Structure formats: C-alpha cells, structure tokens
C-alpha cells in the first residue's frame, strides 16, 4: 500500500481537488512502460508489488513525474509526496476598451524558447477568464479575436502557488462582404471569398452570400469568385470600424 499526496509548492497545502494520478511499470523485456493504475482522488492509495515505478501527478496542464521504489512488507503504508511547482494563469481580453465575449476570443499557450529557439504548444483553444494550471515558468501567449488575424502576442511568467492574471487588448475591424451584379443589389449566393494581404498572403477563405469576418486593421485584397468569374477589390480597415464591403460584377 503506497499513499500519494501532492502540493503546488514545497511549503503549500495539500491539493484537494482536480488531481489525476497515473502509475507506470516497466515490464522486463518491454520497450515502453505500461500504465497500470489511474486514480482521481486527492490522496489515493495504490497497492503495488515490490519494484520500481514511475508516478505522474497532473493538475490541469501542470504535472510532475518521478520514480518511486516499493519495498517489501512495512507496518505503515509509505507516503510519497509530489511537489508540482505550479501556478495558475487567467487571461482577460479587451476590445475597444470593453471585455470581449469569451466565445469570440481563444488563445494558445506556448512554452518559452528552447535551446534551438523553438517553442512547444502547451494548450490550444483556451478561453478567457478560465484558470489554467501550469508548471511555473515563462510562457508565450497568442490570443486571437474572431477567426482571422486579429491577434495579440505576449509573454507571461507563472509563479508557483500564485494566480497570474494578464490582460490583452485587441485591435480589430469587422467587415461583411457581398458580391452584387449592380451597386446596392442583392448579394449573390455561394460566392467564394479569399482575403489576402497586399503581398498575396492568404488570411481567410470562406463561401457564402454575406460572410462576416473580424480582421486586424490594415490593407487587404478581397477576391470574390462566382459563376466562373473572379472579381477583386483593395480595401483598408481601421481599428474599431464596422464595414460593408461590396464588390460589383463588371
């Protein structure tokens, strides 16, 4: 019988909720260790035979793995203590000085740069105002408002045992597109849309009569395809603008 406990910091209280424990054993002759037990209690007790095991304790995206050795019969179950060295991160997103609805913003969390100057994706599609548990360290955040290129990037430091709160401010414009046979006419259905930068980098593709997209302020090339023909228009969008962009078939 081996009992497990976990703390956020070495001198912190025991974690009471949200833990997932996994015990792995490496069978002789096998290439990889096997998962032999999983529990979600705060202080689980595992019945293990004598030998060496790897135990992983996870709280959200924060986790720690280490090896333990189990001996023979002992009068009292040994207690293995795990210190996650973890904290929390909560992001708040502002648009035009107001808090953005949580369903309009998502963000990705990346690790700090490694020795090869690369980052690893830790979590994608995170929502604002939700506490994400992470190991202490420096993280890179990419927050996206809408479904295109209205992004903000920021570095944050998560400290063990603390909640880090960070706020990002998005600049964006909202544009609705339509292809018409004459100015002010009805939008043509099933139009294929491509939004590009002036340098030709594709930002967004969509299909529909009146697609609406949130874009970073700047200049764009808009291409509409319908009935085997293509129509193009250059536009410039300002921060906070709500635009109706009409392309006329000529």
C-alpha atoms as a PDB file:
ATOM      1  CA  UNK A   1       0.000   0.000   0.000  1.00  0.00           C
ATOM      2  CA  UNK A   2       1.523   3.314  -1.117  1.00  0.00           C
ATOM      3  CA  UNK A   3      -0.240   6.616  -0.446  1.00  0.00           C
ATOM      4  CA  UNK A   4       0.272   9.684  -2.641  1.00  0.00           C
ATOM      5  CA  UNK A   5      -0.132  13.374  -1.812  1.00  0.00           C
ATOM      6  CA  UNK A   6       0.586  16.465  -3.914  1.00  0.00           C
ATOM      7  CA  UNK A   7       1.261  20.148  -3.252  1.00  0.00           C
ATOM      8  CA  UNK A   8       1.620  23.186  -5.519  1.00  0.00           C
ATOM      9  CA  UNK A   9       4.735  24.287  -3.617  1.00  0.00           C
ATOM     10  CA  UNK A  10       7.019  22.570  -1.131  1.00  0.00           C
ATOM     11  CA  UNK A  11       5.545  24.503   1.813  1.00  0.00           C
ATOM     12  CA  UNK A  12       1.989  24.691   0.457  1.00  0.00           C
ATOM     13  CA  UNK A  13      -1.171  22.908   1.487  1.00  0.00           C
ATOM     14  CA  UNK A  14      -2.051  19.535   0.023  1.00  0.00           C
ATOM     15  CA  UNK A  15      -4.056  19.790  -3.207  1.00  0.00           C
ATOM     16  CA  UNK A  16      -7.640  18.781  -2.506  1.00  0.00           C
ATOM     17  CA  UNK A  17      -9.238  18.547  -5.941  1.00  0.00           C
ATOM     18  CA  UNK A  18      -8.559  18.150  -9.651  1.00  0.00           C
ATOM     19  CA  UNK A  19      -5.640  15.726  -9.472  1.00  0.00           C
ATOM     20  CA  UNK A  20      -5.092  12.794 -11.821  1.00  0.00           C
ATOM     21  CA  UNK A  21      -2.612  10.133 -10.754  1.00  0.00           C
ATOM     22  CA  UNK A  22      -1.054   7.617 -13.130  1.00  0.00           C
ATOM     23  CA  UNK A  23       1.286   4.769 -12.191  1.00  0.00           C
ATOM     24  CA  UNK A  24       3.555   3.191 -14.802  1.00  0.00           C
ATOM     25  CA  UNK A  25       5.582  -0.030 -14.566  1.00  0.00           C
ATOM     26  CA  UNK A  26       8.278  -1.153 -16.988  1.00  0.00           C
ATOM     27  CA  UNK A  27       7.861  -4.901 -17.569  1.00  0.00           C
ATOM     28  CA  UNK A  28      11.147  -6.744 -18.164  1.00  0.00           C
ATOM     29  CA  UNK A  29      11.864  -7.127 -21.847  1.00  0.00           C
ATOM     30  CA  UNK A  30       9.362  -4.479 -22.925  1.00  0.00           C
ATOM     31  CA  UNK A  31      10.451  -1.319 -24.724  1.00  0.00           C
ATOM     32  CA  UNK A  32       7.994   1.019 -23.037  1.00  0.00           C
ATOM     33  CA  UNK A  33       6.482   1.308 -19.544  1.00  0.00           C
ATOM     34  CA  UNK A  34       2.846   0.281 -19.143  1.00  0.00           C
ATOM     35  CA  UNK A  35       0.116   2.269 -17.426  1.00  0.00           C
ATOM     36  CA  UNK A  36      -1.107   0.005 -14.610  1.00  0.00           C
ATOM     37  CA  UNK A  37      -3.296   2.313 -12.480  1.00  0.00           C
ATOM     38  CA  UNK A  38      -5.132   5.647 -12.634  1.00  0.00           C
ATOM     39  CA  UNK A  39      -6.928   7.468  -9.820  1.00  0.00           C
ATOM     40  CA  UNK A  40      -8.512  10.905  -9.389  1.00  0.00           C
ATOM     41  CA  UNK A  41      -8.597  11.125  -5.606  1.00  0.00           C
ATOM     42  CA  UNK A  42      -6.723  13.830  -3.714  1.00  0.00           C
ATOM     43  CA  UNK A  43      -4.811  11.272  -1.580  1.00  0.00           C
ATOM     44  CA  UNK A  44      -5.029   7.933  -3.371  1.00  0.00           C
ATOM     45  CA  UNK A  45      -3.575   4.680  -2.102  1.00  0.00           C
ATOM     46  CA  UNK A  46      -2.138   2.237  -4.633  1.00  0.00           C
ATOM     47  CA  UNK A  47      -1.476  -1.433  -3.958  1.00  0.00           C
ATOM     48  CA  UNK A  48       1.866  -2.123  -5.630  1.00  0.00           C
ATOM     49  CA  UNK A  49       4.215  -5.050  -5.627  1.00  0.00           C
ATOM     50  CA  UNK A  50       7.876  -4.613  -4.752  1.00  0.00           C
ATOM     51  CA  UNK A  51       9.779  -2.866  -7.528  1.00  0.00           C
ATOM     52  CA  UNK A  52      10.338   0.446  -9.285  1.00  0.00           C
ATOM     53  CA  UNK A  53       7.528   2.565 -10.734  1.00  0.00           C
ATOM     54  CA  UNK A  54       7.065   5.950 -12.398  1.00  0.00           C
ATOM     55  CA  UNK A  55       4.236   8.050 -10.977  1.00  0.00           C
ATOM     56  CA  UNK A  56       2.743  11.059 -12.754  1.00  0.00           C
ATOM     57  CA  UNK A  57       0.663  13.615 -10.835  1.00  0.00           C
ATOM     58  CA  UNK A  58      -1.263  16.084 -13.005  1.00  0.00           C
ATOM     59  CA  UNK A  59      -3.353  19.143 -12.222  1.00  0.00           C
ATOM     60  CA  UNK A  60      -4.647  20.675 -15.430  1.00  0.00           C
ATOM     61  CA  UNK A  61      -1.583  21.259 -17.617  1.00  0.00           C
ATOM     62  CA  UNK A  62       0.726  21.203 -14.597  1.00  0.00           C
ATOM     63  CA  UNK A  63       2.320  17.870 -13.856  1.00  0.00           C
ATOM     64  CA  UNK A  64       5.319  16.080 -12.422  1.00  0.00           C
ATOM     65  CA  UNK A  65       6.662  12.574 -12.992  1.00  0.00           C
ATOM     66  CA  UNK A  66       9.170  10.766 -10.819  1.00  0.00           C
ATOM     67  CA  UNK A  67      10.374   7.278  -9.989  1.00  0.00           C
ATOM     68  CA  UNK A  68       9.485   5.554  -6.728  1.00  0.00           C
ATOM     69  CA  UNK A  69      10.740   2.292  -5.263  1.00  0.00           C
ATOM     70  CA  UNK A  70       8.436  -0.021  -3.350  1.00  0.00           C
ATOM     71  CA  UNK A  71       9.940  -2.411  -0.815  1.00  0.00           C
ATOM     72  CA  UNK A  72       8.503  -5.449   0.936  1.00  0.00           C
ATOM     73  CA  UNK A  73       6.005  -5.535   3.797  1.00  0.00           C
ATOM     74  CA  UNK A  74       6.045  -2.420   6.009  1.00  0.00           C
ATOM     75  CA  UNK A  75       3.915  -1.770   9.114  1.00  0.00           C
ATOM     76  CA  UNK A  76       2.654   1.585   7.837  1.00  0.00           C
ATOM     77  CA  UNK A  77       1.863   2.491   4.215  1.00  0.00           C
ATOM     78  CA  UNK A  78       4.640   4.779   2.918  1.00  0.00           C
ATOM     79  CA  UNK A  79       3.630   8.270   1.769  1.00  0.00           C
ATOM     80  CA  UNK A  80       5.058   9.628  -1.471  1.00  0.00           C
ATOM     81  CA  UNK A  81       4.858  13.425  -1.725  1.00  0.00           C
ATOM     82  CA  UNK A  82       4.843  15.221  -5.068  1.00  0.00           C
ATOM     83  CA  UNK A  83       5.519  18.965  -5.435  1.00  0.00           C
ATOM     84  CA  UNK A  84       4.140  20.223  -8.741  1.00  0.00           C
ATOM     85  CA  UNK A  85       5.816  23.661  -8.546  1.00  0.00           C
ATOM     86  CA  UNK A  86       2.785  25.049 -10.353  1.00  0.00           C
ATOM     87  CA  UNK A  87       0.529  28.069 -10.501  1.00  0.00           C
ATOM     88  CA  UNK A  88      -2.457  29.368 -12.441  1.00  0.00           C
ATOM     89  CA  UNK A  89      -2.952  31.636 -15.442  1.00  0.00           C
ATOM     90  CA  UNK A  90      -6.090  33.598 -16.259  1.00  0.00           C
ATOM     91  CA  UNK A  91      -6.360  35.793 -19.349  1.00  0.00           C
ATOM     92  CA  UNK A  92      -8.694  38.734 -19.906  1.00  0.00           C
ATOM     93  CA  UNK A  93      -9.269  40.100 -23.426  1.00  0.00           C
ATOM     94  CA  UNK A  94     -10.362  43.645 -24.215  1.00  0.00           C
ATOM     95  CA  UNK A  95     -11.756  45.001 -27.478  1.00  0.00           C
ATOM     96  CA  UNK A  96     -12.397  48.744 -27.830  1.00  0.00           C
ATOM     97  CA  UNK A  97     -11.870  49.118 -24.088  1.00  0.00           C
ATOM     98  CA  UNK A  98     -14.554  46.551 -23.209  1.00  0.00           C
ATOM     99  CA  UNK A  99     -14.202  42.932 -22.192  1.00  0.00           C
ATOM    100  CA  UNK A 100     -14.674  40.698 -25.222  1.00  0.00           C
ATOM    101  CA  UNK A 101     -17.316  37.955 -25.044  1.00  0.00           C
ATOM    102  CA  UNK A 102     -15.494  34.741 -24.156  1.00  0.00           C
ATOM    103  CA  UNK A 103     -16.814  32.928 -27.253  1.00  0.00           C
ATOM    104  CA  UNK A 104     -15.135  35.474 -29.556  1.00  0.00           C
ATOM    105  CA  UNK A 105     -11.600  35.041 -28.215  1.00  0.00           C
ATOM    106  CA  UNK A 106      -9.368  31.996 -27.876  1.00  0.00           C
ATOM    107  CA  UNK A 107      -5.711  31.766 -27.109  1.00  0.00           C
ATOM    108  CA  UNK A 108      -2.834  29.355 -27.383  1.00  0.00           C
ATOM    109  CA  UNK A 109      -0.132  28.851 -24.768  1.00  0.00           C
ATOM    110  CA  UNK A 110       3.427  28.039 -25.829  1.00  0.00           C
ATOM    111  CA  UNK A 111       6.497  27.183 -23.787  1.00  0.00           C
ATOM    112  CA  UNK A 112       9.467  29.516 -23.584  1.00  0.00           C
ATOM    113  CA  UNK A 113      12.044  29.153 -26.353  1.00  0.00           C
ATOM    114  CA  UNK A 114      14.296  26.132 -26.004  1.00  0.00           C
ATOM    115  CA  UNK A 115      17.967  25.844 -26.944  1.00  0.00           C
ATOM    116  CA  UNK A 116      17.045  25.549 -30.632  1.00  0.00           C
ATOM    117  CA  UNK A 117      14.919  28.741 -30.385  1.00  0.00           C
ATOM    118  CA  UNK A 118      11.670  26.785 -30.796  1.00  0.00           C
ATOM    119  CA  UNK A 119       8.510  26.822 -28.717  1.00  0.00           C
ATOM    120  CA  UNK A 120       6.241  23.887 -27.906  1.00  0.00           C
ATOM    121  CA  UNK A 121       2.468  24.184 -27.926  1.00  0.00           C
ATOM    122  CA  UNK A 122       1.189  23.608 -24.390  1.00  0.00           C
ATOM    123  CA  UNK A 123      -2.523  24.284 -24.902  1.00  0.00           C
ATOM    124  CA  UNK A 124      -4.675  25.478 -27.806  1.00  0.00           C
ATOM    125  CA  UNK A 125      -8.192  26.957 -27.925  1.00  0.00           C
ATOM    126  CA  UNK A 126      -8.097  28.180 -24.316  1.00  0.00           C
ATOM    127  CA  UNK A 127     -10.873  30.590 -23.326  1.00  0.00           C
ATOM    128  CA  UNK A 128     -10.534  33.846 -21.364  1.00  0.00           C
ATOM    129  CA  UNK A 129     -11.444  34.090 -17.671  1.00  0.00           C
ATOM    130  CA  UNK A 130     -10.753  30.399 -17.005  1.00  0.00           C
ATOM    131  CA  UNK A 131      -7.872  29.449 -14.722  1.00  0.00           C
ATOM    132  CA  UNK A 132      -5.331  27.235 -16.496  1.00  0.00           C
ATOM    133  CA  UNK A 133      -2.997  25.270 -14.229  1.00  0.00           C
ATOM    134  CA  UNK A 134       0.610  25.326 -15.448  1.00  0.00           C
ATOM    135  CA  UNK A 135       4.047  24.471 -14.176  1.00  0.00           C
ATOM    136  CA  UNK A 136       5.950  27.547 -13.041  1.00  0.00           C
ATOM    137  CA  UNK A 137       7.867  29.205 -15.860  1.00  0.00           C
ATOM    138  CA  UNK A 138       7.726  31.649 -18.761  1.00  0.00           C
ATOM    139  CA  UNK A 139       5.047  31.163 -21.415  1.00  0.00           C
ATOM    140  CA  UNK A 140       4.192  32.812 -24.724  1.00  0.00           C
ATOM    141  CA  UNK A 141       0.532  33.585 -25.379  1.00  0.00           C
ATOM    142  CA  UNK A 142      -1.097  34.143 -28.774  1.00  0.00           C
ATOM    143  CA  UNK A 143      -4.629  35.497 -28.367  1.00  0.00           C
ATOM    144  CA  UNK A 144      -6.980  35.559 -31.382  1.00  0.00           C
ATOM    145  CA  UNK A 145     -10.130  37.659 -31.626  1.00  0.00           C
ATOM    146  CA  UNK A 146     -12.505  36.286 -34.245  1.00  0.00           C
ATOM    147  CA  UNK A 147     -11.481  33.742 -36.864  1.00  0.00           C
ATOM    148  CA  UNK A 148      -8.778  35.530 -38.828  1.00  0.00           C
ATOM    149  CA  UNK A 149      -5.671  37.543 -37.981  1.00  0.00           C
ATOM    150  CA  UNK A 150      -6.686  39.876 -35.129  1.00  0.00           C
ATOM    151  CA  UNK A 151      -4.037  38.509 -32.786  1.00  0.00           C
ATOM    152  CA  UNK A 152      -2.026  39.747 -29.814  1.00  0.00           C
ATOM    153  CA  UNK A 153       1.138  38.088 -28.531  1.00  0.00           C
ATOM    154  CA  UNK A 154       2.527  38.378 -25.032  1.00  0.00           C
ATOM    155  CA  UNK A 155       4.999  36.695 -22.673  1.00  0.00           C
ATOM    156  CA  UNK A 156       3.858  35.896 -19.125  1.00  0.00           C
ATOM    157  CA  UNK A 157       5.538  34.391 -16.083  1.00  0.00           C
ATOM    158  CA  UNK A 158       3.632  31.857 -13.993  1.00  0.00           C
ATOM    159  CA  UNK A 159       4.819  31.606 -10.386  1.00  0.00           C
ATOM    160  CA  UNK A 160       4.385  28.536  -8.211  1.00  0.00           C
ATOM    161  CA  UNK A 161       1.445  28.788  -5.816  1.00  0.00           C
ATOM    162  CA  UNK A 162       0.162  32.016  -7.373  1.00  0.00           C
ATOM    163  CA  UNK A 163      -2.505  33.052  -9.855  1.00  0.00           C
ATOM    164  CA  UNK A 164      -1.116  35.147 -12.703  1.00  0.00           C
ATOM    165  CA  UNK A 165      -3.692  37.392 -14.356  1.00  0.00           C
ATOM    166  CA  UNK A 166      -2.874  39.047 -17.653  1.00  0.00           C
ATOM    167  CA  UNK A 167      -4.868  41.359 -19.933  1.00  0.00           C
ATOM    168  CA  UNK A 168      -4.504  41.683 -23.709  1.00  0.00           C
ATOM    169  CA  UNK A 169      -6.047  44.451 -25.811  1.00  0.00           C
ATOM    170  CA  UNK A 170      -7.121  43.596 -29.344  1.00  0.00           C
ATOM    171  CA  UNK A 171      -7.261  45.975 -32.303  1.00  0.00           C
ATOM    172  CA  UNK A 172      -9.761  44.832 -34.893  1.00  0.00           C
ATOM    173  CA  UNK A 173     -12.269  45.737 -37.583  1.00  0.00           C
ATOM    174  CA  UNK A 174     -15.439  43.899 -38.577  1.00  0.00           C
ATOM    175  CA  UNK A 175     -16.247  43.529 -42.260  1.00  0.00           C
ATOM    176  CA  UNK A 176     -19.178  41.989 -44.128  1.00  0.00           C
ATOM    177  CA  UNK A 177     -18.613  41.094 -47.791  1.00  0.00           C
ATOM    178  CA  UNK A 178     -21.043  40.783 -50.669  1.00  0.00           C
ATOM    179  CA  UNK A 179     -20.844  40.333 -54.437  1.00  0.00           C
ATOM    180  CA  UNK A 180     -23.569  42.096 -56.433  1.00  0.00           C
ATOM    181  CA  UNK A 181     -24.496  42.478 -60.100  1.00  0.00           C
ATOM    182  CA  UNK A 182     -25.067  46.214 -59.626  1.00  0.00           C
ATOM    183  CA  UNK A 183     -24.316  48.663 -56.804  1.00  0.00           C
ATOM    184  CA  UNK A 184     -26.727  48.194 -53.917  1.00  0.00           C
ATOM    185  CA  UNK A 185     -28.082  44.952 -55.364  1.00  0.00           C
ATOM    186  CA  UNK A 186     -28.766  41.607 -53.745  1.00  0.00           C
ATOM    187  CA  UNK A 187     -25.801  39.541 -52.611  1.00  0.00           C
ATOM    188  CA  UNK A 188     -25.088  36.550 -54.841  1.00  0.00           C
ATOM    189  CA  UNK A 189     -25.215  33.180 -53.035  1.00  0.00           C
ATOM    190  CA  UNK A 190     -22.429  30.600 -52.972  1.00  0.00           C
ATOM    191  CA  UNK A 191     -19.738  33.166 -53.627  1.00  0.00           C
ATOM    192  CA  UNK A 192     -16.186  32.014 -52.884  1.00  0.00           C
ATOM    193  CA  UNK A 193     -14.190  34.605 -50.951  1.00  0.00           C
ATOM    194  CA  UNK A 194     -10.448  34.984 -50.429  1.00  0.00           C
ATOM    195  CA  UNK A 195      -8.934  37.694 -48.259  1.00  0.00           C
ATOM    196  CA  UNK A 196      -5.228  38.377 -48.799  1.00  0.00           C
ATOM    197  CA  UNK A 197      -2.588  40.824 -47.682  1.00  0.00           C
ATOM    198  CA  UNK A 198      -1.276  43.181 -50.381  1.00  0.00           C
ATOM    199  CA  UNK A 199       1.741  40.838 -50.607  1.00  0.00           C
ATOM    200  CA  UNK A 200      -0.541  37.906 -51.501  1.00  0.00           C
ATOM    201  CA  UNK A 201      -0.530  36.077 -48.159  1.00  0.00           C
ATOM    202  CA  UNK A 202      -3.867  34.341 -47.646  1.00  0.00           C
ATOM    203  CA  UNK A 203      -5.702  35.406 -44.499  1.00  0.00           C
ATOM    204  CA  UNK A 204      -9.100  33.747 -44.888  1.00  0.00           C
ATOM    205  CA  UNK A 205     -11.221  31.703 -47.278  1.00  0.00           C
ATOM    206  CA  UNK A 206     -14.994  31.378 -46.996  1.00  0.00           C
ATOM    207  CA  UNK A 207     -18.129  30.678 -49.015  1.00  0.00           C
ATOM    208  CA  UNK A 208     -21.449  32.482 -48.760  1.00  0.00           C
ATOM    209  CA  UNK A 209     -23.564  35.450 -49.737  1.00  0.00           C
ATOM    210  CA  UNK A 210     -22.711  37.669 -46.750  1.00  0.00           C
ATOM    211  CA  UNK A 211     -19.678  36.354 -44.847  1.00  0.00           C
ATOM    212  CA  UNK A 212     -18.567  38.455 -41.882  1.00  0.00           C
ATOM    213  CA  UNK A 213     -15.006  38.373 -40.571  1.00  0.00           C
ATOM    214  CA  UNK A 214     -13.006  40.128 -37.875  1.00  0.00           C
ATOM    215  CA  UNK A 215      -9.671  41.346 -39.207  1.00  0.00           C
ATOM    216  CA  UNK A 216      -6.667  43.219 -37.903  1.00  0.00           C
ATOM    217  CA  UNK A 217      -6.598  46.862 -39.037  1.00  0.00           C
ATOM    218  CA  UNK A 218      -4.756  47.277 -42.328  1.00  0.00           C
ATOM    219  CA  UNK A 219      -4.975  46.887 -46.088  1.00  0.00           C
ATOM    220  CA  UNK A 220      -6.294  43.802 -47.871  1.00  0.00           C
ATOM    221  CA  UNK A 221      -7.053  42.386 -51.289  1.00  0.00           C
ATOM    222  CA  UNK A 222     -10.527  40.844 -51.480  1.00  0.00           C
ATOM    223  CA  UNK A 223     -11.264  38.326 -54.240  1.00  0.00           C
ATOM    224  CA  UNK A 224     -14.784  37.047 -54.977  1.00  0.00           C
ATOM    225  CA  UNK A 225     -15.407  34.120 -57.358  1.00  0.00           C
ATOM    226  CA  UNK A 226     -18.822  33.330 -58.812  1.00  0.00           C
ATOM    227  CA  UNK A 227     -20.096  31.697 -61.979  1.00  0.00           C
ATOM    228  CA  UNK A 228     -16.558  31.006 -63.158  1.00  0.00           C
ATOM    229  CA  UNK A 229     -15.505  34.649 -62.901  1.00  0.00           C
ATOM    230  CA  UNK A 230     -13.293  36.434 -60.341  1.00  0.00           C
ATOM    231  CA  UNK A 231     -13.631  39.992 -59.037  1.00  0.00           C
ATOM    232  CA  UNK A 232     -11.123  41.868 -56.919  1.00  0.00           C
ATOM    233  CA  UNK A 233     -11.077  44.952 -54.693  1.00  0.00           C
ATOM    234  CA  UNK A 234      -8.499  46.627 -52.467  1.00  0.00           C
ATOM    235  CA  UNK A 235      -9.727  47.762 -49.031  1.00  0.00           C
ATOM    236  CA  UNK A 236      -8.304  49.383 -45.908  1.00  0.00           C
ATOM    237  CA  UNK A 237      -9.854  48.786 -42.490  1.00  0.00           C
ATOM    238  CA  UNK A 238      -9.344  50.936 -39.391  1.00  0.00           C
ATOM    239  CA  UNK A 239      -9.408  49.849 -35.755  1.00  0.00           C
ATOM    240  CA  UNK A 240     -12.973  49.738 -34.440  1.00  0.00           C
ATOM    241  CA  UNK A 241     -14.512  50.052 -37.914  1.00  0.00           C
ATOM    242  CA  UNK A 242     -17.577  48.080 -38.996  1.00  0.00           C
ATOM    243  CA  UNK A 243     -17.525  47.962 -42.795  1.00  0.00           C
ATOM    244  CA  UNK A 244     -19.784  46.749 -45.582  1.00  0.00           C
ATOM    245  CA  UNK A 245     -17.563  45.732 -48.482  1.00  0.00           C
ATOM    246  CA  UNK A 246     -19.342  45.434 -51.821  1.00  0.00           C
ATOM    247  CA  UNK A 247     -17.844  44.049 -54.991  1.00  0.00           C
ATOM    248  CA  UNK A 248     -19.723  44.825 -58.223  1.00  0.00           C
ATOM    249  CA  UNK A 249     -19.614  42.429 -61.182  1.00  0.00           C
ATOM    250  CA  UNK A 250     -18.423  44.402 -64.169  1.00  0.00           C
END
